[in-house]
Protein backbone atom coordinates (compact mmCIF):
# COMPACT_ATOMS: atom_id res chain seq x y z
CA UNK A 1 0.01 0.05 -0.03
CA UNK A 2 1.14 3.51 -1.02
CA UNK A 3 0.21 6.82 -0.15
CA UNK A 4 0.71 7.58 -4.19
CA UNK A 5 -3.13 7.56 -5.71
CA UNK A 6 -4.12 7.61 -9.14
CA UNK A 7 -7.40 9.36 -10.09
CA UNK A 8 -9.01 7.50 -12.91
CA UNK A 9 -12.16 7.10 -14.69
CA UNK A 10 -12.65 3.33 -15.65
CA UNK A 11 -11.03 3.68 -19.47
CA UNK A 12 -12.72 7.35 -19.93
CA UNK A 13 -10.94 10.67 -19.81
CA UNK A 14 -11.33 13.18 -16.79
CA UNK A 15 -12.16 15.55 -18.73
CA UNK A 16 -10.79 18.64 -20.43
CA UNK A 17 -7.74 20.57 -19.02
CA UNK A 18 -9.40 23.80 -18.32
CA UNK A 19 -12.86 21.66 -16.84
CA UNK A 20 -10.53 19.20 -14.64
CA UNK A 21 -8.50 22.28 -13.12
CA UNK A 22 -11.45 24.34 -12.74
CA UNK A 23 -12.79 21.26 -10.61
CA UNK A 24 -9.54 21.30 -8.40
CA UNK A 25 -9.40 24.44 -7.92
CA UNK A 26 -12.68 24.94 -6.68
CA UNK A 27 -12.57 21.80 -4.35
CA UNK A 28 -8.92 22.57 -3.27
CA UNK A 29 -8.67 26.69 -3.00
CA UNK A 30 -5.14 27.40 -2.50
CA UNK A 31 -4.01 24.99 -5.13
CA UNK A 32 -0.57 26.11 -6.95
CA UNK A 33 -0.28 25.38 -10.51
CA UNK A 34 3.52 24.77 -11.05
CA UNK A 35 3.00 23.91 -14.72
CA UNK A 36 -0.47 23.27 -16.56
CA UNK A 37 -0.34 19.76 -15.44
CA UNK A 38 1.44 19.82 -11.91
CA UNK A 39 -0.25 21.42 -9.19
CA UNK A 40 0.91 21.17 -5.29
CA UNK A 41 -0.38 22.39 -2.05
CA UNK A 42 2.60 22.89 -0.38
CA UNK A 43 1.50 22.95 2.96
CA UNK A 44 -0.36 19.80 2.81
CA UNK A 45 2.66 17.57 1.24
CA UNK A 46 0.06 17.01 -1.70
CA UNK A 47 1.27 17.31 -5.63
CA UNK A 48 -0.43 15.85 -8.55
CA UNK A 49 0.68 15.41 -12.11
CA UNK A 50 -2.11 15.22 -14.96
CA UNK A 51 -1.79 12.92 -17.68
CA UNK A 52 -2.63 14.48 -20.73
CA UNK A 53 -3.75 13.68 -24.04
CA UNK A 54 -4.61 15.80 -26.73
CA UNK A 55 -5.88 18.55 -24.50
CA UNK A 56 -8.15 15.86 -22.07
CA UNK A 57 -6.90 14.54 -18.79
CA UNK A 58 -6.76 10.83 -18.71
CA UNK A 59 -5.79 10.22 -15.17
CA UNK A 60 -4.03 11.77 -12.20
CA UNK A 61 -1.31 10.47 -10.22
CA UNK A 62 -0.91 12.03 -6.75
CA UNK A 63 1.62 12.19 -4.06
CA UNK A 64 1.34 12.50 -0.25
CA UNK A 65 -1.50 14.36 1.08
CA UNK A 66 -3.29 11.47 3.01
CA UNK A 67 -5.41 14.33 5.05
CA UNK A 68 -7.29 15.24 1.44
CA UNK A 69 -8.13 11.74 0.94
CA UNK A 70 -11.71 12.59 2.18
CA UNK A 71 -11.91 15.71 -0.01
CA UNK A 72 -10.59 13.50 -3.18
CA UNK A 73 -13.04 11.20 -2.69
CA UNK A 74 -16.04 13.74 -2.53
CA UNK A 75 -14.68 15.49 -5.61
CA UNK A 76 -14.55 11.91 -7.49
CA UNK A 77 -17.88 10.72 -6.32
CA UNK A 78 -19.53 13.79 -7.83
CA UNK A 79 -17.51 13.49 -11.06
CA UNK A 80 -18.16 9.65 -11.40
CA UNK A 81 -14.06 9.41 -10.98
CA UNK A 82 -12.56 6.63 -8.99
CA UNK A 83 -9.44 6.89 -6.87
CA UNK A 84 -6.94 3.81 -6.88
CA UNK A 85 -4.01 2.92 -4.58
CA UNK A 86 -1.33 3.43 -7.00
CA UNK A 87 0.85 0.54 -5.77
CA UNK A 88 -1.74 -1.93 -5.12
CA UNK A 89 -3.83 -0.96 -7.98
CA UNK A 90 -7.25 -1.37 -5.81
CA UNK A 91 -10.04 1.08 -6.14
CA UNK A 92 -10.82 2.90 -2.69
CA UNK A 93 -13.59 3.03 -1.25
CA UNK A 94 -14.94 6.48 -1.88
CA UNK A 95 -17.94 6.33 0.47
CA UNK A 96 -15.46 5.74 3.38
CA UNK A 97 -11.88 6.36 2.24
CA UNK A 98 -10.03 6.75 5.62
CA UNK A 99 -11.71 2.96 7.05
CA UNK A 100 -10.62 1.84 3.80
CA UNK A 101 -7.03 2.57 4.32
CA UNK A 102 -7.43 1.41 8.01
CA UNK A 103 -8.24 -1.98 7.38
CA UNK A 104 -5.32 -1.97 5.02
CA UNK A 105 -2.89 -0.69 7.30
CA UNK A 106 -3.66 -2.86 10.43
C-alpha cells in the first residue's frame, strides 16, 4: 500500500484540462499550479500530475496528502471518477476512504 493515488475514470478521460483544473481549484482553494499539468498544496505535502492526451486529462497521479483523501473522494464521487491505490491497483471505497485505508494498514 502506498500514499500515491491514481484518479481515473474506467478507461475514459476525466475531461478537458480546463474543466478538470477548474474542479480541483474549486475543491482545493490554494492549489498552486507549477505547470499546466502539475499542481501542489505545499502545506499539505500534496502534489498531483495530470496525464494529458490531446488536451484531455486521462488520469491524475497524486503524491502524499493523506489528509486530503476525504476531499478527493467527495470530488471523485461528484464527477464519477475513481481513486485507486497506485501500488496495489485497488480502487478505494469513496464512501468511506479513511476506513478503507485503516483496514489495509492494520
